[in-house]
Amino acid sequence: MLGLSVQEWALVGITMIWGGTFLVVHTAVQHSGPWFFVGFRFLAAALFAAAIFWRSLRGITWREIGAGAAIGAAIYGGYGLQTAGLQTIDSSTSAFMTAFYVPLVPLLQWIVLRKAPRGLTLLGAGLAFVGLLLVAGIGSRGIHLGVGEILTLAGTLPMAGEIILITLFGSRFNVGRLTVVQLLTASLLGFATMPAVGEGMPAFSWVWVIAGLAMGLASGLIQLTMTWAQRSVSPTRATIIYTGEPVWAGVVGRIAGERIPPLAILGAALIILGNVLSELQPRRAGGRSDEDPEQPRPDEREQAPQAGA
């Protein structure tokens, strides 16, 4: 850790912030419906991003709106389901289950982009799946999945889809325009879901107001830090740093009084190990690792997987 660059330390910092966001959302949805909170937090994030990128918005095209809307729909699905799940499960459990989206990304690339995963990726996905079963509470009568766990697991698929869409569109269009459109799309879809599921406006509470504004600012800060830091940090190194996110969520949850059973702790460790293995790059015949940032491969310009609550 002492040998990390300034950019890598910055990524460690935002990973710690990510870990804390699970408890923030878990607390907020005790005072607000999940879909209203999704709409509110991403509206705050969109306004924050628009204040930064407002100059570039003047030249926005319909193709950029379409690409941003597609990414925003994936954000809405992933974070919406995760937020709904946080109504009934602990923040640390949500964080470890959400981390399963990392090994899903290369598997989804295999299906969508016909890009075959490496052996380590498959091994990592297998370990993460076993860990997921332990976190979910496997026992003599099978796996005990409640509504919250099911919603959280369902949310990992659109989260993985978000990464694929960013890979497809991120290098083709203006980053600022895409960021604003995707955040605004996630917000509008969140609000639009409220009448469809019978969710009404929440009673005013400073809890969801402050939490929503804080999450909006955190989303903006995280996105800006990633954009700056990942210019010199490869996606592989960045993603390995990001695997610490559920660990920080567990630490914050523990401080807040959450308790994780021993088997779930083992499962969480397997998920993290699986995530790391799925991102490790084997060394080539020249002794160089594929993740060497000094000689980037074409796909090293892609954005690394990102989660958070």
Protein backbone atom coordinates (compact mmCIF):
# COMPACT_ATOMS: atom_id res chain seq x y z
CA MET A 1 0.00 0.00 0.00
CA LEU A 2 2.87 2.38 0.76
CA GLY A 3 4.07 2.04 -2.84
CA LEU A 4 0.81 3.27 -4.36
CA SER A 5 0.81 6.32 -6.60
CA VAL A 6 -1.21 9.44 -5.82
CA GLN A 7 -3.82 8.32 -8.35
CA GLU A 8 -4.08 4.87 -6.75
CA TRP A 9 -4.43 6.39 -3.29
CA ALA A 10 -7.26 8.54 -4.71
CA LEU A 11 -9.01 5.37 -5.92
CA VAL A 12 -8.55 3.82 -2.46
CA GLY A 13 -10.22 6.92 -1.01
CA ILE A 14 -13.29 6.76 -3.24
CA THR A 15 -13.53 3.01 -2.59
CA MET A 16 -13.84 3.80 1.12
CA ILE A 17 -16.58 6.32 0.28
CA TRP A 18 -18.35 3.66 -1.81
CA GLY A 19 -18.28 1.27 1.11
CA GLY A 20 -20.01 3.81 3.31
CA THR A 21 -22.75 4.57 0.79
CA PHE A 22 -24.49 1.22 1.42
CA LEU A 23 -25.28 2.17 5.01
CA VAL A 24 -26.39 5.65 3.90
CA VAL A 25 -28.87 4.19 1.41
CA HIS A 26 -30.00 1.51 3.87
CA THR A 27 -30.81 4.27 6.37
CA ALA A 28 -32.47 6.53 3.79
CA VAL A 29 -34.93 3.90 2.55
CA GLN A 30 -36.25 3.49 6.06
CA HIS A 31 -37.68 7.01 5.57
CA SER A 32 -38.40 6.98 1.83
CA GLY A 33 -39.59 4.57 -0.82
CA PRO A 34 -36.72 3.06 -2.83
CA TRP A 35 -37.75 4.34 -6.24
CA PHE A 36 -38.30 7.89 -5.05
CA PHE A 37 -34.87 7.84 -3.46
CA VAL A 38 -33.31 6.52 -6.68
CA GLY A 39 -34.96 9.34 -8.61
CA PHE A 40 -33.93 11.98 -6.07
CA ARG A 41 -30.29 10.88 -5.65
CA PHE A 42 -29.63 10.65 -9.38
CA LEU A 43 -31.38 13.97 -9.99
CA ALA A 44 -28.98 15.53 -7.50
CA ALA A 45 -26.07 13.77 -9.25
CA ALA A 46 -27.28 14.94 -12.68
CA LEU A 47 -27.51 18.56 -11.53
CA PHE A 48 -24.04 18.32 -10.01
CA ALA A 49 -22.65 16.89 -13.27
CA ALA A 50 -24.50 19.49 -15.36
CA ALA A 51 -22.94 22.29 -13.29
CA ILE A 52 -19.52 20.92 -14.24
CA PHE A 53 -20.12 19.96 -17.88
CA TRP A 54 -22.69 22.61 -18.86
CA ARG A 55 -20.47 24.07 -21.60
CA SER A 56 -20.20 20.76 -23.44
CA LEU A 57 -23.98 20.19 -23.31
CA ARG A 58 -24.55 22.81 -26.01
CA GLY A 59 -23.40 20.50 -28.78
CA ILE A 60 -25.17 17.33 -27.64
CA THR A 61 -26.43 15.02 -30.40
CA TRP A 62 -29.31 12.55 -30.55
CA ARG A 63 -26.82 9.67 -30.74
CA GLU A 64 -25.24 10.84 -27.49
CA ILE A 65 -28.66 11.12 -25.90
CA GLY A 66 -29.48 7.59 -27.03
CA ALA A 67 -26.20 6.16 -25.75
CA GLY A 68 -26.49 8.02 -22.44
CA ALA A 69 -30.10 6.89 -22.05
CA ALA A 70 -29.09 3.25 -22.57
CA ILE A 71 -26.41 3.48 -19.88
CA GLY A 72 -28.85 5.35 -17.63
CA ALA A 73 -31.44 2.59 -18.01
CA ALA A 74 -28.84 0.06 -16.86
CA ILE A 75 -27.93 2.29 -13.89
CA TYR A 76 -31.63 2.58 -13.03
CA GLY A 77 -32.11 -1.19 -13.12
CA GLY A 78 -28.99 -2.01 -11.13
CA TYR A 79 -29.15 0.65 -8.45
CA GLY A 80 -32.94 0.60 -8.30
CA LEU A 81 -33.09 -3.10 -7.49
CA GLN A 82 -30.18 -2.75 -5.09
CA THR A 83 -31.92 0.13 -3.29
CA ALA A 84 -35.18 -1.82 -3.06
CA GLY A 85 -33.23 -4.74 -1.60
CA LEU A 86 -31.61 -2.52 1.02
CA GLN A 87 -35.01 -2.04 2.64
CA THR A 88 -34.82 -5.53 4.11
CA ILE A 89 -31.15 -6.61 4.20
CA ASP A 90 -28.09 -5.22 5.96
CA SER A 91 -25.78 -2.86 4.11
CA SER A 92 -22.80 -5.22 4.43
CA THR A 93 -24.78 -8.16 2.99
CA SER A 94 -25.89 -5.98 0.10
CA ALA A 95 -22.32 -4.87 -0.59
CA PHE A 96 -20.91 -8.40 -0.73
CA MET A 97 -23.76 -9.67 -2.91
CA THR A 98 -23.47 -6.65 -5.21
CA ALA A 99 -19.76 -7.40 -5.72
CA PHE A 100 -20.80 -10.47 -7.71
CA TYR A 101 -21.32 -8.18 -10.73
CA VAL A 102 -17.53 -7.94 -11.23
CA PRO A 103 -17.00 -11.53 -12.48
CA LEU A 104 -20.30 -11.24 -14.37
CA VAL A 105 -18.80 -8.55 -16.64
CA PRO A 106 -16.40 -10.82 -18.58
CA LEU A 107 -19.05 -13.54 -18.75
CA LEU A 108 -21.51 -11.03 -20.21
CA GLN A 109 -18.81 -9.86 -22.63
CA TRP A 110 -18.54 -13.49 -23.74
CA ILE A 111 -22.26 -13.59 -24.54
CA VAL A 112 -22.69 -10.10 -26.02
CA LEU A 113 -19.29 -9.25 -27.53
CA ARG A 114 -18.10 -12.84 -28.24
CA LYS A 115 -14.97 -12.11 -26.22
CA ALA A 116 -14.01 -15.41 -24.57
CA PRO A 117 -12.94 -15.10 -20.90
CA ARG A 118 -9.58 -16.40 -19.63
CA GLY A 119 -9.20 -19.39 -17.35
CA LEU A 120 -8.58 -17.18 -14.32
CA THR A 121 -11.78 -15.32 -15.07
CA LEU A 122 -13.81 -18.53 -15.01
CA LEU A 123 -12.09 -19.65 -11.82
CA GLY A 124 -12.78 -16.27 -10.23
CA ALA A 125 -16.43 -16.40 -11.25
CA GLY A 126 -16.73 -19.89 -9.75
CA LEU A 127 -15.21 -18.80 -6.43
CA ALA A 128 -17.40 -15.72 -6.34
CA PHE A 129 -20.48 -17.87 -6.94
CA VAL A 130 -19.58 -20.21 -4.08
CA GLY A 131 -19.00 -17.18 -1.87
CA LEU A 132 -22.36 -15.81 -2.93
CA LEU A 133 -24.08 -19.00 -1.78
CA LEU A 134 -22.45 -18.67 1.64
CA VAL A 135 -23.38 -15.00 1.97
CA ALA A 136 -26.94 -15.87 0.94
CA GLY A 137 -27.17 -18.30 3.85
CA ILE A 138 -26.89 -21.79 2.35
CA GLY A 139 -27.86 -24.47 4.83
CA SER A 140 -29.18 -28.03 5.15
CA ARG A 141 -32.50 -26.92 3.69
CA GLY A 142 -30.95 -25.06 0.78
CA ILE A 143 -30.34 -21.40 0.16
CA HIS A 144 -32.43 -18.98 2.18
CA LEU A 145 -33.10 -16.04 -0.13
CA GLY A 146 -35.46 -13.32 0.98
CA VAL A 147 -36.94 -10.60 -1.21
CA GLY A 148 -34.03 -8.28 -0.46
CA GLU A 149 -31.41 -10.83 -1.50
CA ILE A 150 -33.29 -11.70 -4.69
CA LEU A 151 -33.62 -8.04 -5.69
CA THR A 152 -29.94 -7.41 -4.97
CA LEU A 153 -28.84 -10.40 -7.03
CA ALA A 154 -31.12 -9.36 -9.89
CA GLY A 155 -29.52 -5.92 -9.80
CA THR A 156 -26.04 -7.32 -10.51
CA LEU A 157 -27.03 -8.15 -14.09
CA PRO A 158 -27.89 -4.59 -15.21
CA MET A 159 -24.82 -3.38 -13.28
CA ALA A 160 -22.67 -5.67 -15.40
CA GLY A 161 -24.61 -4.49 -18.44
CA GLU A 162 -23.72 -0.90 -17.55
CA ILE A 163 -20.01 -1.76 -17.87
CA ILE A 164 -20.58 -3.36 -21.28
CA LEU A 165 -22.47 -0.28 -22.50
CA ILE A 166 -19.74 2.04 -21.20
CA THR A 167 -17.24 -0.10 -23.10
CA LEU A 168 -19.31 0.25 -26.29
CA PHE A 169 -20.10 3.96 -26.04
CA GLY A 170 -17.59 5.54 -23.66
CA SER A 171 -14.84 6.17 -26.22
CA ARG A 172 -17.22 7.26 -29.00
CA PHE A 173 -18.95 10.20 -27.36
CA ASN A 174 -18.27 13.16 -25.09
CA VAL A 175 -17.85 11.93 -21.50
CA GLY A 176 -19.55 14.97 -19.95
CA ARG A 177 -22.65 14.68 -22.12
CA LEU A 178 -22.93 10.93 -21.52
CA THR A 179 -22.57 11.43 -17.77
CA VAL A 180 -25.35 14.03 -17.53
CA VAL A 181 -27.75 12.10 -19.77
CA GLN A 182 -27.24 8.77 -18.01
CA LEU A 183 -27.74 10.26 -14.55
CA LEU A 184 -30.84 12.19 -15.65
CA THR A 185 -32.26 9.08 -17.34
CA ALA A 186 -31.79 7.00 -14.18
CA SER A 187 -33.53 9.73 -12.18
CA LEU A 188 -36.54 10.02 -14.52
CA LEU A 189 -36.97 6.23 -14.68
CA GLY A 190 -36.81 6.03 -10.90
CA PHE A 191 -39.57 8.60 -10.49
CA ALA A 192 -41.61 6.96 -13.28
CA THR A 193 -41.50 3.60 -11.49
CA MET A 194 -43.21 4.99 -8.39
CA PRO A 195 -46.82 4.90 -9.71
CA ALA A 196 -46.17 1.55 -11.44
CA VAL A 197 -45.33 -0.13 -8.11
CA GLY A 198 -47.81 1.88 -6.04
CA GLU A 199 -45.17 3.92 -4.24
CA GLY A 200 -46.27 7.36 -3.05
CA MET A 201 -44.34 10.47 -2.15
CA PRO A 202 -42.55 10.05 1.18
CA ALA A 203 -43.22 12.31 4.11
CA PHE A 204 -40.59 15.00 4.36
CA SER A 205 -37.55 13.90 6.30
CA TRP A 206 -34.12 15.44 6.54
CA VAL A 207 -32.78 11.88 6.50
CA TRP A 208 -33.63 11.19 2.83
CA VAL A 209 -32.98 14.80 1.80
CA ILE A 210 -29.46 14.90 3.22
CA ALA A 211 -28.74 11.30 2.16
CA GLY A 212 -29.92 11.97 -1.40
CA LEU A 213 -27.88 15.16 -1.75
CA ALA A 214 -24.85 13.47 -0.21
CA MET A 215 -25.19 10.51 -2.58
CA GLY A 216 -25.47 12.89 -5.54
CA LEU A 217 -22.31 14.74 -4.53
CA ALA A 218 -20.54 11.44 -3.82
CA SER A 219 -21.48 10.10 -7.25
CA GLY A 220 -20.10 13.23 -8.89
CA LEU A 221 -16.90 13.14 -6.82
CA ILE A 222 -16.37 9.45 -7.52
CA GLN A 223 -16.93 9.86 -11.27
CA LEU A 224 -14.54 12.82 -11.53
CA THR A 225 -11.86 11.05 -9.46
CA MET A 226 -12.12 7.90 -11.57
CA THR A 227 -11.91 9.90 -14.80
CA TRP A 228 -8.74 11.63 -13.55
CA ALA A 229 -7.05 8.67 -11.88
CA GLN A 230 -7.71 6.03 -14.52
CA ARG A 231 -5.77 8.00 -17.11
CA SER A 232 -2.64 6.55 -15.51
CA VAL A 233 -4.00 3.50 -13.64
CA SER A 234 -4.93 0.44 -15.68
CA PRO A 235 -8.46 -1.01 -15.33
CA THR A 236 -6.99 -4.19 -13.82
CA ARG A 237 -5.16 -2.37 -11.02
CA ALA A 238 -8.16 -0.08 -10.50
CA THR A 239 -10.61 -2.96 -10.25
CA ILE A 240 -8.44 -4.81 -7.75
CA ILE A 241 -8.50 -1.65 -5.62
CA TYR A 242 -12.29 -1.51 -6.02
CA THR A 243 -12.65 -5.03 -4.60
CA GLY A 244 -12.05 -3.40 -1.22
CA GLU A 245 -15.46 -1.72 -1.48
CA PRO A 246 -17.48 -4.48 0.26
CA VAL A 247 -14.75 -4.75 2.89
CA TRP A 248 -15.21 -1.08 3.79
CA ALA A 249 -18.99 -1.60 3.70
CA GLY A 250 -18.57 -4.46 6.17
CA VAL A 251 -16.40 -2.32 8.44
CA VAL A 252 -18.92 0.54 8.39
CA GLY A 253 -21.80 -1.89 8.93
CA ARG A 254 -19.99 -3.51 11.85
CA ILE A 255 -19.44 -0.12 13.47
CA ALA A 256 -23.16 0.57 13.00
CA GLY A 257 -24.03 -2.68 14.79
CA GLU A 258 -24.53 -5.12 11.92
CA ARG A 259 -23.36 -8.68 12.52
CA ILE A 260 -22.13 -11.04 9.80
CA PRO A 261 -22.21 -14.84 10.50
CA PRO A 262 -18.88 -16.71 10.18
CA LEU A 263 -19.98 -18.58 7.03
CA ALA A 264 -21.01 -15.30 5.43
CA ILE A 265 -17.59 -13.84 6.24
CA LEU A 266 -15.98 -16.82 4.49
CA GLY A 267 -18.30 -16.29 1.56
CA ALA A 268 -17.42 -12.60 1.42
CA ALA A 269 -13.72 -13.50 1.32
CA LEU A 270 -14.35 -15.92 -1.57
CA ILE A 271 -16.26 -13.22 -3.49
CA ILE A 272 -13.38 -10.77 -3.08
CA LEU A 273 -10.83 -13.44 -4.05
CA GLY A 274 -12.95 -14.36 -7.07
CA ASN A 275 -13.14 -10.71 -8.11
CA VAL A 276 -9.36 -10.34 -7.88
CA LEU A 277 -8.72 -13.53 -9.86
CA SER A 278 -11.19 -12.50 -12.55
CA GLU A 279 -9.20 -9.31 -13.11
CA LEU A 280 -5.63 -10.66 -12.86
CA GLN A 281 -3.76 -10.71 -16.14
CA PRO A 282 -1.23 -13.49 -16.89
CA ARG A 283 2.27 -12.52 -17.86
CA ARG A 284 3.18 -12.71 -21.50
CA ALA A 285 6.23 -14.28 -23.04
CA GLY A 286 8.24 -11.08 -22.55
CA GLY A 287 7.72 -11.07 -18.78
CA ARG A 288 5.23 -8.25 -19.10
CA SER A 289 1.86 -8.44 -17.43
CA ASP A 290 -1.18 -7.53 -19.51
CA GLU A 291 -2.07 -4.93 -16.91
CA ASP A 292 1.17 -2.94 -17.33
CA PRO A 293 -0.05 0.64 -17.66
CA GLU A 294 3.09 1.70 -19.50
CA GLN A 295 2.12 -0.38 -22.53
CA PRO A 296 -1.67 -0.40 -22.53
CA ARG A 297 -3.67 -2.84 -24.56
CA PRO A 298 -6.64 -1.42 -26.55
CA ASP A 299 -9.14 -2.53 -23.91
CA GLU A 300 -7.13 -0.83 -21.14
CA ARG A 301 -8.70 2.43 -22.29
CA GLU A 302 -12.06 1.14 -21.13
CA GLN A 303 -13.44 2.15 -17.79
CA ALA A 304 -13.00 -0.34 -14.99
CA PRO A 305 -16.06 -1.87 -13.33
CA GLN A 306 -17.61 0.32 -10.68
CA ALA A 307 -20.34 -0.39 -8.21
CA GLY A 308 -21.30 1.25 -4.94
CA ALA A 309 -24.74 1.72 -3.51
